[in-house]
Protein backbone atom coordinates (compact mmCIF):
# COMPACT_ATOMS: atom_id res chain seq x y z
CA MET A 1 -4.20 7.74 -110.75
CA LYS A 2 -2.33 10.99 -111.00
CA PHE A 3 0.48 9.43 -108.72
CA LYS A 4 1.01 6.44 -110.84
CA ARG A 5 1.12 8.55 -114.03
CA GLY A 6 3.87 10.86 -112.51
CA ALA A 7 5.71 7.80 -111.17
CA TYR A 8 5.74 6.52 -114.74
CA ARG A 9 7.06 9.58 -116.05
CA ARG A 10 9.83 9.82 -113.37
CA PHE A 11 10.60 5.90 -114.25
CA THR A 12 10.79 6.58 -118.00
CA LEU A 13 12.88 9.84 -117.36
CA SER A 14 15.34 7.69 -115.36
CA LEU A 15 15.63 5.20 -117.90
CA LEU A 16 16.26 7.18 -120.66
CA LEU A 17 19.16 9.07 -118.48
CA LEU A 18 20.87 5.54 -117.41
CA THR A 19 20.50 4.66 -121.42
CA LEU A 20 22.36 7.61 -122.34
CA LEU A 21 25.12 7.57 -119.76
CA LEU A 22 25.87 3.97 -120.66
CA SER A 23 25.87 4.74 -124.26
CA GLY A 24 28.46 7.43 -123.19
CA LEU A 25 30.76 5.17 -121.13
CA MET A 26 30.61 2.90 -124.07
CA LEU A 27 31.95 5.58 -126.61
CA LEU A 28 34.37 6.71 -124.25
CA GLN A 29 36.09 3.13 -124.04
CA THR A 30 36.02 2.95 -127.93
CA GLU A 31 37.57 6.62 -128.63
CA PRO A 32 39.44 8.19 -125.18
CA ALA A 33 38.44 11.65 -124.54
CA ASN A 34 41.79 12.94 -126.21
CA SER A 35 41.06 11.38 -129.08
CA SER A 36 39.66 14.22 -131.14
CA ILE A 37 41.22 14.37 -134.50
CA ASP A 38 44.28 16.41 -134.62
CA GLU A 39 43.97 18.35 -137.77
CA ARG A 40 48.14 19.22 -137.96
CA LEU A 41 49.89 15.83 -136.36
CA ILE A 42 49.43 12.26 -137.44
CA LYS A 43 50.43 9.25 -136.11
CA LEU A 44 52.62 6.71 -138.45
CA SER A 45 53.28 2.97 -137.83
CA ALA A 46 56.85 1.64 -138.17
CA GLN A 47 55.38 0.60 -141.87
CA GLY A 48 54.40 3.97 -142.64
CA GLU A 49 50.24 3.57 -142.10
CA THR A 50 48.32 6.09 -140.54
CA LEU A 51 47.03 5.85 -136.91
CA ALA A 52 44.31 6.98 -135.41
CA PRO A 53 44.91 9.94 -132.74
CA TRP A 54 44.67 7.48 -129.84
CA GLN A 55 46.02 4.09 -131.53
CA GLY A 56 49.91 3.20 -130.72
CA PRO A 57 52.63 2.43 -131.11
CA TRP A 58 53.90 4.98 -133.27
CA ALA A 59 57.16 5.28 -134.89
CA CYS A 60 56.76 8.55 -136.72
CA ILE A 61 54.94 11.91 -136.72
CA HIS A 62 53.79 13.70 -139.76
CA ASP A 63 53.30 17.43 -139.31
CA THR A 64 50.78 18.56 -142.00
CA LEU A 65 51.62 22.29 -141.45
CA THR A 66 55.17 21.79 -142.42
CA GLY A 67 55.35 18.83 -144.39
CA LEU A 68 57.67 17.30 -142.33
CA LEU A 69 58.17 13.71 -140.51
CA TRP A 70 59.49 13.17 -137.48
CA GLU A 71 61.09 10.39 -135.76
CA ASN A 72 59.21 9.47 -132.73
CA LYS A 73 61.63 8.53 -129.66
CA THR A 74 61.02 5.54 -127.93
CA ASN A 75 61.76 4.05 -124.28
CA ASN A 76 62.39 0.57 -125.63
CA GLU A 77 66.38 0.46 -125.86
CA SER A 78 66.01 0.59 -129.84
CA ILE A 79 68.03 2.73 -131.87
CA HIS A 80 65.41 5.34 -131.28
CA ASP A 81 65.14 5.18 -127.67
CA GLY A 82 64.58 8.77 -126.28
CA TYR A 83 67.96 8.17 -123.64
CA TRP A 84 70.47 7.67 -126.20
CA SER A 85 72.85 10.70 -126.69
CA TYR A 86 75.18 11.53 -129.42
CA SER A 87 78.28 13.93 -130.27
CA TRP A 88 77.72 16.26 -133.25
CA PHE A 89 79.15 14.56 -136.41
CA ASN A 90 77.45 15.25 -139.67
CA GLU A 91 78.87 15.43 -143.27
CA GLY A 92 82.82 14.70 -142.42
CA LYS A 93 82.54 17.51 -139.42
CA GLY A 94 82.49 17.32 -136.09
CA GLN A 95 83.12 14.68 -133.39
CA THR A 96 82.76 11.27 -133.78
CA ASN A 97 81.56 8.29 -131.05
CA SER A 98 81.11 10.61 -128.08
CA GLY A 99 77.76 9.73 -126.85
CA ASP A 100 76.19 6.93 -125.19
CA CYS A 101 74.05 4.17 -127.08
CA TYR A 102 73.97 0.57 -126.97
CA PHE A 103 73.09 -0.13 -130.56
CA GLU A 104 76.90 0.65 -131.81
CA ALA A 105 80.25 -1.37 -130.97
CA GLN A 106 81.78 2.10 -129.91
CA ARG A 107 80.19 5.08 -128.70
CA CYS A 108 77.70 7.01 -130.82
CA ASP A 109 77.70 10.26 -132.67
CA THR A 110 74.52 11.82 -134.89
CA GLN A 111 75.82 10.02 -137.83
CA ASP A 112 75.35 6.91 -136.33
CA LEU A 113 71.72 7.61 -135.84
CA ILE A 114 70.99 8.70 -139.19
CA ARG A 115 72.57 5.97 -141.02
CA ARG A 116 71.15 3.26 -138.83
CA THR A 117 67.53 4.75 -139.38
CA ASN A 118 67.91 4.97 -143.03
CA GLU A 119 69.11 1.48 -143.31
CA GLU A 120 66.09 0.55 -141.10
CA LYS A 121 63.70 2.42 -143.54
CA LEU A 122 61.63 3.86 -140.66
CA CYS A 123 57.97 4.32 -141.48
CA GLY A 124 59.04 2.82 -145.06
CA ILE A 125 61.36 5.55 -146.10
CA THR A 126 64.81 7.07 -146.30
CA GLY A 127 66.36 10.59 -146.24
CA TRP A 128 66.30 10.97 -142.40
CA ARG A 129 68.64 13.56 -141.29
CA LEU A 130 69.15 16.21 -138.48
CA PRO A 131 66.61 18.90 -138.61
CA THR A 132 67.51 22.72 -139.21
CA LYS A 133 66.92 25.41 -136.13
CA ALA A 134 63.90 26.60 -138.22
CA GLU A 135 62.09 22.77 -138.42
CA LEU A 136 63.06 22.23 -134.55
CA SER A 137 61.48 25.73 -133.93
CA SER A 138 58.38 25.01 -135.97
CA LEU A 139 57.43 22.04 -132.99
CA LEU A 140 57.62 24.76 -130.19
CA GLU A 141 53.99 25.23 -128.72
CA GLN A 142 53.45 27.06 -125.32
CA GLN A 143 52.26 24.20 -122.74
CA ASP A 144 50.03 25.23 -119.79
CA ARG A 145 51.65 22.77 -117.34
CA PRO A 146 54.89 24.18 -115.60
CA GLN A 147 57.98 22.25 -116.32
CA ALA A 148 56.60 20.69 -119.28
CA PRO A 149 58.41 20.63 -122.55
CA GLN A 150 57.16 23.33 -125.21
CA LEU A 151 55.81 21.03 -127.72
CA ARG A 152 52.76 18.77 -128.07
CA THR A 153 53.85 15.81 -125.73
CA ASP A 154 50.81 13.78 -126.50
CA PHE A 155 52.61 12.83 -129.59
CA PHE A 156 56.43 13.67 -128.89
CA GLN A 157 56.29 11.46 -125.23
CA GLN A 158 60.10 10.87 -125.05
CA ILE A 159 61.44 14.21 -125.52
CA LYS A 160 63.90 14.80 -122.30
CA ALA A 161 65.03 17.67 -120.26
CA GLY A 162 68.13 18.50 -122.44
CA ASP A 163 69.82 19.65 -125.63
CA TYR A 164 68.78 18.36 -129.08
CA TRP A 165 71.07 18.67 -131.83
CA SER A 166 70.08 20.79 -134.88
CA ALA A 167 71.82 20.31 -138.43
CA GLN A 168 73.70 24.00 -138.06
CA GLY A 169 77.21 23.36 -137.38
CA SER A 170 80.26 25.81 -137.51
CA MET A 171 78.53 27.68 -134.98
CA PRO A 172 81.02 30.12 -132.98
CA LEU A 173 81.21 28.99 -129.06
CA GLU A 174 81.51 31.56 -126.22
CA GLY A 175 82.38 31.72 -122.41
CA HIS A 176 84.03 28.42 -121.17
CA TYR A 177 83.73 26.84 -124.37
CA GLN A 178 85.19 29.61 -126.28
CA HIS A 179 88.77 28.06 -126.51
CA LEU A 180 87.14 25.24 -128.66
CA GLY A 181 86.36 27.45 -131.64
CA GLN A 182 83.31 25.91 -133.34
CA GLY A 183 80.21 23.83 -132.36
CA ALA A 184 76.69 23.26 -133.44
CA SER A 185 73.42 24.94 -132.55
CA ALA A 186 70.93 22.96 -130.31
CA ILE A 187 67.27 23.41 -128.76
CA ASN A 188 66.46 22.94 -125.26
CA PHE A 189 62.64 22.12 -125.72
CA TYR A 190 61.96 23.03 -122.08
CA GLN A 191 63.63 26.32 -122.47
CA GLY A 192 62.38 27.09 -125.90
CA ARG A 193 65.29 28.44 -127.21
CA PHE A 194 68.91 27.73 -128.76
CA HIS A 195 72.51 27.64 -128.01
CA ASN A 196 75.60 26.59 -129.48
CA LEU A 197 77.67 23.46 -127.92
CA PRO A 198 80.75 21.87 -128.55
CA TYR A 199 80.77 19.09 -131.15
CA ARG A 200 81.98 16.66 -128.47
CA ASN A 201 79.31 17.20 -126.18
CA ALA A 202 76.85 14.17 -125.82
CA ALA A 203 73.41 15.50 -126.38
CA PHE A 204 69.97 14.11 -127.61
CA ALA A 205 68.89 13.88 -131.28
CA ILE A 206 65.61 13.52 -133.04
CA LEU A 207 65.69 13.14 -136.69
CA VAL A 208 63.48 14.35 -139.52
CA THR A 209 62.87 14.00 -143.20
CA ASP A 210 60.62 15.91 -145.93
CA LYS A 211 59.91 12.56 -147.69
CA TRP A 212 56.35 11.34 -146.97
CA PRO A 213 55.35 7.42 -146.90
CA LYS A 214 52.61 6.42 -149.72
CA SER A 215 49.81 6.45 -146.96
CA GLN A 216 50.16 10.31 -146.48
CA TYR A 217 50.04 10.79 -150.69
CA THR A 218 46.77 8.50 -150.75
CA ALA A 219 45.51 10.45 -147.61
CA GLY A 220 45.73 13.86 -149.88
CA VAL A 221 47.69 15.39 -147.02
CA THR A 222 48.56 18.98 -147.90
CA SER A 223 51.52 20.66 -146.21
CA ARG A 224 53.70 24.08 -146.27
CA THR A 225 57.37 24.68 -146.43
CA VAL A 226 59.16 25.48 -143.08
CA SER A 227 60.80 28.88 -143.48
CA LYS A 228 64.69 29.25 -143.54
CA PRO A 229 66.43 29.98 -140.39
CA LYS A 230 67.65 33.53 -140.13
C-alpha cells in the first residue's frame, strides 16, 4: 500500500507540473517574452491607434517621457523606407534634390519627406518636421550588444549605420568640408554623437512631431518637454 500511495503522489505531482508547463507555453504564444508593457514607448498604427508592445506593424512611436511622436522607418519601399536618403533642405535653406528615393520624380531632400508625410497625415496627424539635436539626443540609450545603434531597436528597428539629419542648419563646416562654409548637424546613432555635414550630402532622416493622435489623449498619457539644445 505504501508503494501505491507513493506512486500516486508522484503521478499527481507530475500531472501538476505538466499542467503548469502547458499553461506557460500557451501564455508565451499569446504574449511573447519581450511583450512586457513598456512604460515609456508606445507603438501606434498608421491610423493613430495604440498597439500592444508585441503587435505590429507600427507607423509611429510615442515617447511618453518627452511627449514626442516619432516616425517609424520601414523596409517596404514606401515614403518611410529606412534606406531612402536626403540632402538637407529646410525652410528655404540648404540643397534640394540630392538624396536617393523612389517616391519623387526627381531626387530627394528632407523637405520632400516632410511634405509627403504631412500630406499623408501619418498616424492621423500633421506637424511632422526634422527633430532638433536635443530631441534626437533624447532617443540615445546605451545598448549591451556590440556594434548596435544606441537606441531602442525593439521599437526603432530600421535605424541604419549612418547619419540622421537634425533641424539645426547654418552650422560651420570643418576639415575638408570647410570650403563649403555651412551645413547642418546630424547624429550617428551607432556612434552616439553629432557632427556637421554639407547640405548636399545624402543622409538619412527620421521625422518627429509634438502633436498627439486622439488615442493618446484618451489614454491619459503624460509627458515632459525636451530641454532646448545647448
